[in-house]
Amino acid sequence: MYVCNCNGIRERDVQSALEAGAERPADVFRHCQAAPQCAKCVCDMRRMIQASDEALRYAAQ
């Protein structure tokens, strides 16, 4: 599924960025060599980042 239609960034691209250490949407764009355009995807990226952080916290327990 596409997260960012403007840049063609898919969920797997965001996951790859998160695995590479992305902590903010700006990091995801940088990882994908893209730039935000309409910014509708930023909220979805933040949700994915938060979910990833929560999963890591649970795994650490």
Protein backbone atom coordinates (compact mmCIF):
# COMPACT_ATOMS: atom_id res chain seq x y z
CA MET A 1 0.00 0.00 0.00
CA TYR A 2 1.20 3.50 -0.77
CA VAL A 3 1.82 5.80 2.20
CA CYS A 4 2.91 8.76 0.07
CA ASN A 5 1.23 9.03 -3.31
CA CYS A 6 3.24 12.10 -4.32
CA ASN A 7 6.57 10.28 -4.01
CA GLY A 8 5.46 6.69 -4.47
CA ILE A 9 6.60 5.70 -0.97
CA ARG A 10 5.11 2.38 0.13
CA GLU A 11 4.69 0.85 3.57
CA ARG A 12 7.70 -1.40 2.97
CA ASP A 13 9.79 1.71 2.19
CA VAL A 14 8.76 3.28 5.49
CA GLN A 15 9.53 0.02 7.32
CA SER A 16 12.95 -0.07 5.67
CA ALA A 17 13.59 3.50 6.80
CA LEU A 18 12.52 2.62 10.34
CA GLU A 19 14.87 -0.36 10.39
CA ALA A 20 17.65 1.98 9.23
CA GLY A 21 16.98 4.25 12.22
CA ALA A 22 14.40 6.78 11.02
CA GLU A 23 12.71 8.50 13.95
CA ARG A 24 10.68 11.17 12.14
CA PRO A 25 8.89 11.58 8.83
CA ALA A 26 11.76 13.78 7.62
CA ASP A 27 14.11 10.83 8.16
CA VAL A 28 11.81 8.61 6.09
CA PHE A 29 11.80 11.11 3.22
CA ARG A 30 15.59 11.39 3.40
CA HIS A 31 15.96 7.60 3.39
CA CYS A 32 13.70 7.40 0.31
CA GLN A 33 15.53 10.31 -1.36
CA ALA A 34 12.29 12.25 -1.57
CA ALA A 35 10.83 15.48 -0.26
CA PRO A 36 7.42 16.12 1.28
CA GLN A 37 4.98 17.70 -1.12
CA CYS A 38 1.37 17.78 0.06
CA ALA A 39 2.25 16.29 3.51
CA LYS A 40 -0.96 14.21 3.74
CA CYS A 41 1.25 11.18 4.43
CA VAL A 42 3.03 12.66 7.46
CA CYS A 43 0.30 11.59 9.91
CA ASP A 44 0.41 8.03 8.58
CA MET A 45 4.19 7.99 8.86
CA ARG A 46 3.99 9.24 12.44
CA ARG A 47 1.53 6.46 13.28
CA MET A 48 3.86 3.88 11.76
CA ILE A 49 6.82 5.30 13.69
CA GLN A 50 4.84 5.24 16.93
CA ALA A 51 3.69 1.65 16.32
CA SER A 52 7.28 0.62 15.65
CA ASP A 53 8.46 2.31 18.85
CA GLU A 54 5.74 0.58 20.87
CA ALA A 55 6.61 -2.81 19.37
CA LEU A 56 10.27 -2.32 20.32
CA ARG A 57 9.28 -1.35 23.88
CA TYR A 58 7.16 -4.49 24.26
CA ALA A 59 9.93 -6.65 22.82
CA ALA A 60 12.39 -5.22 25.32
CA GLN A 61 10.24 -6.24 28.30
